[in-house]
């Protein structure tokens, strides 16, 4: 997972920098002050570096469907962290949303048996939950600061690359990539991360925000389809039901 993050952060940083040059936004980066770079550093550490280390580790220690669904609790953590950092009020609607979310997670972790001793892949689930915590915190902290989206995302990934470079040199090594590994990691870093963020921001800019945001609920269901056809995992009924609970929780408080 450390080696994977090294290459995806590298590809994402390079791709976002090229996009910044193409959009002539380099001058925006030059205007940022030291305090701004401190913000980009700790946000990159939480929202990219820690998040992806945990998420990639979750994929190692559990099935892809379980890792993804448990990780998808990040919108629930956004609600919780918003209460703490944004001083939002706790309503009955939010309480129900949080409970539905955690019922869904428990359903996935126990595979619908509701017996704690039957939980498998615990290490993977823990990594997925920590990753969700990181991304929920990243989302809430990011809401407090208004930076230009593309340049800030580039700097998040750039700092993440610095952190993962140090980590890989200390605890792992930088491997040579085969052709298929290069294509896969380039896809994750340059396309899914860099260009994915850019097109998402474009969608929010040119479309109605609330309508565009609803498309995020397609993500977990599409991912289960890709997991089934590309990874070859049998999708469990308990995973699907757990995901329904979680999305109901997110929708209920929206």
C-alpha atoms as a PDB file:
ATOM      1  CA  UNK A   1       0.000   0.000   0.000  1.00  0.00           C
ATOM      2  CA  UNK A   2       2.943   2.374   0.620  1.00  0.00           C
ATOM      3  CA  UNK A   3       4.388   1.683  -2.822  1.00  0.00           C
ATOM      4  CA  UNK A   4       0.972   2.077  -4.465  1.00  0.00           C
ATOM      5  CA  UNK A   5       0.451   5.455  -2.787  1.00  0.00           C
ATOM      6  CA  UNK A   6       3.941   6.575  -3.816  1.00  0.00           C
ATOM      7  CA  UNK A   7       3.161   6.114  -7.500  1.00  0.00           C
ATOM      8  CA  UNK A   8      -0.464   7.315  -7.425  1.00  0.00           C
ATOM      9  CA  UNK A   9       0.549  10.495  -5.556  1.00  0.00           C
ATOM     10  CA  UNK A  10       3.336  11.059  -8.081  1.00  0.00           C
ATOM     11  CA  UNK A  11       1.059  10.592 -11.101  1.00  0.00           C
ATOM     12  CA  UNK A  12      -1.723  12.693  -9.555  1.00  0.00           C
ATOM     13  CA  UNK A  13       0.674  15.539  -8.685  1.00  0.00           C
ATOM     14  CA  UNK A  14       2.188  15.615 -12.177  1.00  0.00           C
ATOM     15  CA  UNK A  15      -1.233  15.481 -13.865  1.00  0.00           C
ATOM     16  CA  UNK A  16      -2.706  18.237 -11.687  1.00  0.00           C
ATOM     17  CA  UNK A  17       0.358  20.428 -12.289  1.00  0.00           C
ATOM     18  CA  UNK A  18      -0.062  20.005 -16.055  1.00  0.00           C
ATOM     19  CA  UNK A  19      -3.736  20.962 -15.724  1.00  0.00           C
ATOM     20  CA  UNK A  20      -2.738  24.060 -13.695  1.00  0.00           C
ATOM     21  CA  UNK A  21      -0.297  25.089 -16.431  1.00  0.00           C
ATOM     22  CA  UNK A  22      -2.933  24.495 -19.114  1.00  0.00           C
ATOM     23  CA  UNK A  23      -5.493  26.594 -17.189  1.00  0.00           C
ATOM     24  CA  UNK A  24      -2.857  29.281 -16.446  1.00  0.00           C
ATOM     25  CA  UNK A  25      -3.365  29.059 -12.683  1.00  0.00           C
ATOM     26  CA  UNK A  26       0.299  28.926 -11.669  1.00  0.00           C
ATOM     27  CA  UNK A  27       0.069  32.551 -10.560  1.00  0.00           C
ATOM     28  CA  UNK A  28      -2.487  31.525  -7.917  1.00  0.00           C
ATOM     29  CA  UNK A  29       0.061  29.210  -6.291  1.00  0.00           C
ATOM     30  CA  UNK A  30       2.579  32.057  -6.178  1.00  0.00           C
ATOM     31  CA  UNK A  31       0.110  34.139  -4.152  1.00  0.00           C
ATOM     32  CA  UNK A  32      -0.193  31.583  -1.352  1.00  0.00           C
ATOM     33  CA  UNK A  33       1.576  32.494   1.905  1.00  0.00           C
ATOM     34  CA  UNK A  34       3.403  30.357   4.478  1.00  0.00           C
ATOM     35  CA  UNK A  35       0.250  29.862   6.564  1.00  0.00           C
ATOM     36  CA  UNK A  36      -1.524  28.613   3.433  1.00  0.00           C
ATOM     37  CA  UNK A  37       1.180  26.027   2.796  1.00  0.00           C
ATOM     38  CA  UNK A  38       0.883  24.872   6.403  1.00  0.00           C
ATOM     39  CA  UNK A  39      -2.813  24.287   5.685  1.00  0.00           C
ATOM     40  CA  UNK A  40      -2.023  22.355   2.492  1.00  0.00           C
ATOM     41  CA  UNK A  41       0.554  20.257   4.361  1.00  0.00           C
ATOM     42  CA  UNK A  42      -1.673  19.027   7.178  1.00  0.00           C
ATOM     43  CA  UNK A  43      -4.689  18.652   4.879  1.00  0.00           C
ATOM     44  CA  UNK A  44      -2.611  16.603   2.452  1.00  0.00           C
ATOM     45  CA  UNK A  45      -1.373  14.505   5.362  1.00  0.00           C
ATOM     46  CA  UNK A  46      -4.908  13.755   6.598  1.00  0.00           C
ATOM     47  CA  UNK A  47      -6.966  13.664   3.422  1.00  0.00           C
ATOM     48  CA  UNK A  48      -4.564  12.057   0.968  1.00  0.00           C
ATOM     49  CA  UNK A  49      -1.582  10.462   2.733  1.00  0.00           C
ATOM     50  CA  UNK A  50      -3.323   8.842   5.739  1.00  0.00           C
ATOM     51  CA  UNK A  51      -6.571   8.242   3.905  1.00  0.00           C
ATOM     52  CA  UNK A  52      -5.043   6.285   1.037  1.00  0.00           C
ATOM     53  CA  UNK A  53      -2.583   4.370   3.208  1.00  0.00           C
ATOM     54  CA  UNK A  54      -5.539   3.111   5.254  1.00  0.00           C
ATOM     55  CA  UNK A  55      -7.804   2.485   2.272  1.00  0.00           C
ATOM     56  CA  UNK A  56      -5.158   0.567   0.320  1.00  0.00           C
ATOM     57  CA  UNK A  57      -4.344  -1.439   3.463  1.00  0.00           C
ATOM     58  CA  UNK A  58      -8.055  -2.234   3.864  1.00  0.00           C
ATOM     59  CA  UNK A  59      -7.996  -3.713   0.354  1.00  0.00           C
ATOM     60  CA  UNK A  60      -5.104  -5.945   1.436  1.00  0.00           C
ATOM     61  CA  UNK A  61      -6.750  -7.287   4.582  1.00  0.00           C
ATOM     62  CA  UNK A  62     -10.393  -7.602   3.514  1.00  0.00           C
ATOM     63  CA  UNK A  63     -12.472  -8.106   0.405  1.00  0.00           C
ATOM     64  CA  UNK A  64     -12.822  -5.181  -1.991  1.00  0.00           C
ATOM     65  CA  UNK A  65     -16.567  -4.854  -1.418  1.00  0.00           C
ATOM     66  CA  UNK A  66     -16.223  -4.786   2.375  1.00  0.00           C
ATOM     67  CA  UNK A  67     -13.332  -2.312   2.296  1.00  0.00           C
ATOM     68  CA  UNK A  68     -15.181   0.015  -0.034  1.00  0.00           C
ATOM     69  CA  UNK A  69     -18.530  -0.077   1.766  1.00  0.00           C
ATOM     70  CA  UNK A  70     -17.036   0.405   5.243  1.00  0.00           C
ATOM     71  CA  UNK A  71     -14.903   3.229   3.846  1.00  0.00           C
ATOM     72  CA  UNK A  72     -18.072   4.811   2.454  1.00  0.00           C
ATOM     73  CA  UNK A  73     -19.052   5.799   6.015  1.00  0.00           C
ATOM     74  CA  UNK A  74     -17.114   9.047   5.483  1.00  0.00           C
ATOM     75  CA  UNK A  75     -20.325  11.083   4.882  1.00  0.00           C
ATOM     76  CA  UNK A  76     -21.535   9.909   8.306  1.00  0.00           C
ATOM     77  CA  UNK A  77     -18.270  11.079   9.886  1.00  0.00           C
ATOM     78  CA  UNK A  78     -18.745  14.426   8.127  1.00  0.00           C
ATOM     79  CA  UNK A  79     -21.954  14.858  10.135  1.00  0.00           C
ATOM     80  CA  UNK A  80     -20.162  13.998  13.389  1.00  0.00           C
ATOM     81  CA  UNK A  81     -17.099  16.180  12.775  1.00  0.00           C
ATOM     82  CA  UNK A  82     -19.311  19.075  11.659  1.00  0.00           C
ATOM     83  CA  UNK A  83     -20.882  19.025  15.128  1.00  0.00           C
ATOM     84  CA  UNK A  84     -17.431  19.423  16.693  1.00  0.00           C
ATOM     85  CA  UNK A  85     -15.545  21.735  14.319  1.00  0.00           C
ATOM     86  CA  UNK A  86     -18.317  23.679  12.592  1.00  0.00           C
ATOM     87  CA  UNK A  87     -20.550  23.892  15.687  1.00  0.00           C
ATOM     88  CA  UNK A  88     -23.544  22.564  13.779  1.00  0.00           C
ATOM     89  CA  UNK A  89     -26.539  21.527  15.856  1.00  0.00           C
ATOM     90  CA  UNK A  90     -27.421  17.900  16.547  1.00  0.00           C
ATOM     91  CA  UNK A  91     -30.943  17.167  15.329  1.00  0.00           C
ATOM     92  CA  UNK A  92     -33.099  14.051  15.526  1.00  0.00           C
ATOM     93  CA  UNK A  93     -32.652  13.674  11.762  1.00  0.00           C
ATOM     94  CA  UNK A  94     -28.845  13.581  12.124  1.00  0.00           C
ATOM     95  CA  UNK A  95     -29.038  11.073  14.996  1.00  0.00           C
ATOM     96  CA  UNK A  96     -31.160   8.741  12.860  1.00  0.00           C
ATOM     97  CA  UNK A  97     -28.761   9.203   9.933  1.00  0.00           C
ATOM     98  CA  UNK A  98     -25.762   8.275  12.091  1.00  0.00           C
ATOM     99  CA  UNK A  99     -27.535   5.205  13.520  1.00  0.00           C
ATOM    100  CA  UNK A 100     -28.576   3.994  10.068  1.00  0.00           C
ATOM    101  CA  UNK A 101     -25.007   4.413   8.859  1.00  0.00           C
ATOM    102  CA  UNK A 102     -23.502   2.340  11.636  1.00  0.00           C
ATOM    103  CA  UNK A 103     -26.210  -0.321  11.337  1.00  0.00           C
ATOM    104  CA  UNK A 104     -25.171  -0.643   7.701  1.00  0.00           C
ATOM    105  CA  UNK A 105     -21.484  -0.964   8.620  1.00  0.00           C
ATOM    106  CA  UNK A 106     -22.221  -3.579  11.270  1.00  0.00           C
ATOM    107  CA  UNK A 107     -24.346  -5.494   8.765  1.00  0.00           C
ATOM    108  CA  UNK A 108     -21.416  -5.589   6.321  1.00  0.00           C
ATOM    109  CA  UNK A 109     -18.848  -6.518   8.974  1.00  0.00           C
ATOM    110  CA  UNK A 110     -20.907  -9.408  10.388  1.00  0.00           C
ATOM    111  CA  UNK A 111     -22.167 -10.478   6.940  1.00  0.00           C
ATOM    112  CA  UNK A 112     -25.725 -10.131   8.205  1.00  0.00           C
ATOM    113  CA  UNK A 113     -25.349 -12.537  11.120  1.00  0.00           C
ATOM    114  CA  UNK A 114     -25.361  -9.789  13.792  1.00  0.00           C
ATOM    115  CA  UNK A 115     -23.018 -11.819  15.974  1.00  0.00           C
ATOM    116  CA  UNK A 116     -19.868  -9.934  16.917  1.00  0.00           C
ATOM    117  CA  UNK A 117     -17.789 -13.107  17.185  1.00  0.00           C
ATOM    118  CA  UNK A 118     -18.544 -13.868  13.545  1.00  0.00           C
ATOM    119  CA  UNK A 119     -16.818 -10.713  12.296  1.00  0.00           C
ATOM    120  CA  UNK A 120     -14.042 -11.557   9.848  1.00  0.00           C
ATOM    121  CA  UNK A 121     -11.412  -9.421   8.161  1.00  0.00           C
ATOM    122  CA  UNK A 122     -11.333  -7.194  11.270  1.00  0.00           C
ATOM    123  CA  UNK A 123      -7.971  -5.647  10.399  1.00  0.00           C
ATOM    124  CA  UNK A 124      -9.231  -4.608   6.983  1.00  0.00           C
ATOM    125  CA  UNK A 125     -12.419  -3.136   8.461  1.00  0.00           C
ATOM    126  CA  UNK A 126     -10.416  -1.121  10.998  1.00  0.00           C
ATOM    127  CA  UNK A 127      -8.201   0.312   8.263  1.00  0.00           C
ATOM    128  CA  UNK A 128     -11.286   1.189   6.185  1.00  0.00           C
ATOM    129  CA  UNK A 129     -12.913   2.935   9.162  1.00  0.00           C
ATOM    130  CA  UNK A 130      -9.751   4.913   9.953  1.00  0.00           C
ATOM    131  CA  UNK A 131      -9.602   5.950   6.303  1.00  0.00           C
ATOM    132  CA  UNK A 132     -13.230   7.087   6.467  1.00  0.00           C
ATOM    133  CA  UNK A 133     -12.457   9.064   9.628  1.00  0.00           C
ATOM    134  CA  UNK A 134      -9.566  10.779   7.862  1.00  0.00           C
ATOM    135  CA  UNK A 135     -11.635  11.712   4.817  1.00  0.00           C
ATOM    136  CA  UNK A 136     -14.548  12.894   6.942  1.00  0.00           C
ATOM    137  CA  UNK A 137     -12.206  15.140   8.930  1.00  0.00           C
ATOM    138  CA  UNK A 138     -10.546  16.325   5.700  1.00  0.00           C
ATOM    139  CA  UNK A 139     -13.938  17.268   4.240  1.00  0.00           C
ATOM    140  CA  UNK A 140     -15.034  19.247   7.297  1.00  0.00           C
ATOM    141  CA  UNK A 141     -11.727  21.072   7.737  1.00  0.00           C
ATOM    142  CA  UNK A 142     -11.704  21.881   4.030  1.00  0.00           C
ATOM    143  CA  UNK A 143     -15.106  23.508   4.348  1.00  0.00           C
ATOM    144  CA  UNK A 144     -13.661  26.078   6.762  1.00  0.00           C
ATOM    145  CA  UNK A 145     -11.080  27.316   4.246  1.00  0.00           C
ATOM    146  CA  UNK A 146     -11.855  28.655   0.779  1.00  0.00           C
ATOM    147  CA  UNK A 147      -9.022  27.970  -1.654  1.00  0.00           C
ATOM    148  CA  UNK A 148      -9.062  27.639  -5.428  1.00  0.00           C
ATOM    149  CA  UNK A 149      -9.990  24.021  -6.012  1.00  0.00           C
ATOM    150  CA  UNK A 150      -7.508  22.754  -8.595  1.00  0.00           C
ATOM    151  CA  UNK A 151      -4.404  24.403  -7.116  1.00  0.00           C
ATOM    152  CA  UNK A 152      -5.319  23.321  -3.592  1.00  0.00           C
ATOM    153  CA  UNK A 153      -5.874  19.732  -4.734  1.00  0.00           C
ATOM    154  CA  UNK A 154      -2.476  19.777  -6.476  1.00  0.00           C
ATOM    155  CA  UNK A 155      -0.789  20.947  -3.273  1.00  0.00           C
ATOM    156  CA  UNK A 156      -2.596  18.311  -1.181  1.00  0.00           C
ATOM    157  CA  UNK A 157      -1.212  15.615  -3.478  1.00  0.00           C
ATOM    158  CA  UNK A 158       2.212  17.267  -3.700  1.00  0.00           C
ATOM    159  CA  UNK A 159       2.584  17.246   0.084  1.00  0.00           C
ATOM    160  CA  UNK A 160       1.242  13.711   0.200  1.00  0.00           C
ATOM    161  CA  UNK A 161       3.970  12.709  -2.254  1.00  0.00           C
ATOM    162  CA  UNK A 162       6.616  14.246   0.020  1.00  0.00           C
ATOM    163  CA  UNK A 163       5.234  12.351   3.030  1.00  0.00           C
ATOM    164  CA  UNK A 164       4.967   9.033   1.196  1.00  0.00           C
ATOM    165  CA  UNK A 165       8.438   9.438  -0.341  1.00  0.00           C
ATOM    166  CA  UNK A 166       9.923   9.703   3.166  1.00  0.00           C
ATOM    167  CA  UNK A 167       7.790   6.778   4.370  1.00  0.00           C
ATOM    168  CA  UNK A 168       8.745   4.505   1.485  1.00  0.00           C
ATOM    169  CA  UNK A 169      12.454   5.264   1.899  1.00  0.00           C
ATOM    170  CA  UNK A 170      12.223   4.475   5.634  1.00  0.00           C
ATOM    171  CA  UNK A 171       9.955   1.413   5.642  1.00  0.00           C
ATOM    172  CA  UNK A 172       9.839   0.003   2.113  1.00  0.00           C
ATOM    173  CA  UNK A 173      11.432   0.554  -1.283  1.00  0.00           C
ATOM    174  CA  UNK A 174      10.576   2.071  -4.646  1.00  0.00           C
ATOM    175  CA  UNK A 175       9.907  -0.819  -7.041  1.00  0.00           C
ATOM    176  CA  UNK A 176      10.215  -0.855 -10.797  1.00  0.00           C
ATOM    177  CA  UNK A 177       6.829  -1.208 -12.452  1.00  0.00           C
ATOM    178  CA  UNK A 178       5.744  -3.670 -15.083  1.00  0.00           C
ATOM    179  CA  UNK A 179       3.670  -2.392 -17.983  1.00  0.00           C
ATOM    180  CA  UNK A 180       0.337  -3.451 -16.463  1.00  0.00           C
ATOM    181  CA  UNK A 181       1.292  -2.053 -13.038  1.00  0.00           C
ATOM    182  CA  UNK A 182       2.212   1.276 -14.619  1.00  0.00           C
ATOM    183  CA  UNK A 183      -1.118   1.458 -16.463  1.00  0.00           C
ATOM    184  CA  UNK A 184      -3.102   0.561 -13.331  1.00  0.00           C
ATOM    185  CA  UNK A 185      -1.352   3.026 -11.030  1.00  0.00           C
ATOM    186  CA  UNK A 186      -1.372   5.733 -13.695  1.00  0.00           C
ATOM    187  CA  UNK A 187      -5.128   5.238 -14.050  1.00  0.00           C
ATOM    188  CA  UNK A 188      -5.667   5.603 -10.285  1.00  0.00           C
ATOM    189  CA  UNK A 189      -3.363   8.621  -9.929  1.00  0.00           C
ATOM    190  CA  UNK A 190      -3.822  10.599 -13.135  1.00  0.00           C
ATOM    191  CA  UNK A 191      -7.337   9.673 -14.253  1.00  0.00           C
ATOM    192  CA  UNK A 192      -9.370   8.634 -11.210  1.00  0.00           C
ATOM    193  CA  UNK A 193      -7.715  11.120  -8.848  1.00  0.00           C
ATOM    194  CA  UNK A 194      -6.469  14.143 -10.819  1.00  0.00           C
ATOM    195  CA  UNK A 195      -8.844  14.295 -13.790  1.00  0.00           C
ATOM    196  CA  UNK A 196     -11.639  12.827 -11.675  1.00  0.00           C
ATOM    197  CA  UNK A 197     -11.429  15.746  -9.234  1.00  0.00           C
ATOM    198  CA  UNK A 198     -11.238  18.297 -12.050  1.00  0.00           C
ATOM    199  CA  UNK A 199     -14.325  16.947 -13.838  1.00  0.00           C
ATOM    200  CA  UNK A 200     -16.198  16.766 -10.519  1.00  0.00           C
ATOM    201  CA  UNK A 201     -15.442  20.440  -9.808  1.00  0.00           C
ATOM    202  CA  UNK A 202     -16.550  21.267 -13.363  1.00  0.00           C
ATOM    203  CA  UNK A 203     -19.816  19.411 -12.774  1.00  0.00           C
ATOM    204  CA  UNK A 204     -20.438  21.401  -9.595  1.00  0.00           C
ATOM    205  CA  UNK A 205     -19.611  24.631 -11.431  1.00  0.00           C
ATOM    206  CA  UNK A 206     -21.849  24.147 -14.463  1.00  0.00           C
ATOM    207  CA  UNK A 207     -24.645  22.075 -12.911  1.00  0.00           C
ATOM    208  CA  UNK A 208     -26.993  22.576  -9.977  1.00  0.00           C
ATOM    209  CA  UNK A 209     -24.940  21.647  -6.902  1.00  0.00           C
ATOM    210  CA  UNK A 210     -27.609  19.611  -5.105  1.00  0.00           C
ATOM    211  CA  UNK A 211     -28.471  17.692  -8.284  1.00  0.00           C
ATOM    212  CA  UNK A 212     -24.813  17.031  -9.068  1.00  0.00           C
ATOM    213  CA  UNK A 213     -24.159  15.895  -5.488  1.00  0.00           C
ATOM    214  CA  UNK A 214     -26.836  13.231  -5.845  1.00  0.00           C
ATOM    215  CA  UNK A 215     -24.613  11.499  -8.384  1.00  0.00           C
ATOM    216  CA  UNK A 216     -22.268  10.561  -5.538  1.00  0.00           C
ATOM    217  CA  UNK A 217     -24.809   7.913  -4.551  1.00  0.00           C
ATOM    218  CA  UNK A 218     -24.136   6.111  -7.823  1.00  0.00           C
ATOM    219  CA  UNK A 219     -20.517   5.554  -6.754  1.00  0.00           C
ATOM    220  CA  UNK A 220     -20.925   2.598  -4.356  1.00  0.00           C
ATOM    221  CA  UNK A 221     -23.347   0.728  -6.608  1.00  0.00           C
ATOM    222  CA  UNK A 222     -21.133   1.207  -9.674  1.00  0.00           C
ATOM    223  CA  UNK A 223     -18.150   0.075  -7.616  1.00  0.00           C
ATOM    224  CA  UNK A 224     -19.913  -3.173  -6.685  1.00  0.00           C
ATOM    225  CA  UNK A 225     -20.495  -3.778 -10.408  1.00  0.00           C
ATOM    226  CA  UNK A 226     -16.811  -3.186 -11.199  1.00  0.00           C
ATOM    227  CA  UNK A 227     -15.754  -5.361  -8.238  1.00  0.00           C
ATOM    228  CA  UNK A 228     -17.916  -8.210  -9.531  1.00  0.00           C
ATOM    229  CA  UNK A 229     -16.737  -8.064 -13.155  1.00  0.00           C
ATOM    230  CA  UNK A 230     -13.109  -6.919 -12.778  1.00  0.00           C
ATOM    231  CA  UNK A 231     -12.072  -8.413  -9.427  1.00  0.00           C
ATOM    232  CA  UNK A 232     -14.309 -11.462  -9.620  1.00  0.00           C
ATOM    233  CA  UNK A 233     -15.742 -11.197  -6.100  1.00  0.00           C
ATOM    234  CA  UNK A 234     -19.172 -12.598  -5.408  1.00  0.00           C
ATOM    235  CA  UNK A 235     -21.239  -9.690  -4.087  1.00  0.00           C
ATOM    236  CA  UNK A 236     -22.889 -10.701  -0.804  1.00  0.00           C
ATOM    237  CA  UNK A 237     -26.513  -9.858  -0.050  1.00  0.00           C
ATOM    238  CA  UNK A 238     -25.351  -8.555   3.352  1.00  0.00           C
ATOM    239  CA  UNK A 239     -22.999  -6.083   1.618  1.00  0.00           C
ATOM    240  CA  UNK A 240     -25.806  -4.776  -0.554  1.00  0.00           C
ATOM    241  CA  UNK A 241     -28.255  -4.448   2.367  1.00  0.00           C
ATOM    242  CA  UNK A 242     -25.615  -2.759   4.525  1.00  0.00           C
ATOM    243  CA  UNK A 243     -24.921  -0.291   1.727  1.00  0.00           C
ATOM    244  CA  UNK A 244     -28.643   0.487   1.446  1.00  0.00           C
ATOM    245  CA  UNK A 245     -28.769   1.297   5.183  1.00  0.00           C
ATOM    246  CA  UNK A 246     -25.792   3.638   4.879  1.00  0.00           C
ATOM    247  CA  UNK A 247     -27.169   5.495   1.857  1.00  0.00           C
ATOM    248  CA  UNK A 248     -30.572   5.822   3.529  1.00  0.00           C
ATOM    249  CA  UNK A 249     -28.766   7.451   6.457  1.00  0.00           C
ATOM    250  CA  UNK A 250     -26.953   9.898   4.173  1.00  0.00           C
ATOM    251  CA  UNK A 251     -30.139  10.736   2.264  1.00  0.00           C
ATOM    252  CA  UNK A 252     -32.190  11.057   5.454  1.00  0.00           C
ATOM    253  CA  UNK A 253     -30.115  13.948   6.771  1.00  0.00           C
ATOM    254  CA  UNK A 254     -29.627  15.647   3.370  1.00  0.00           C
END
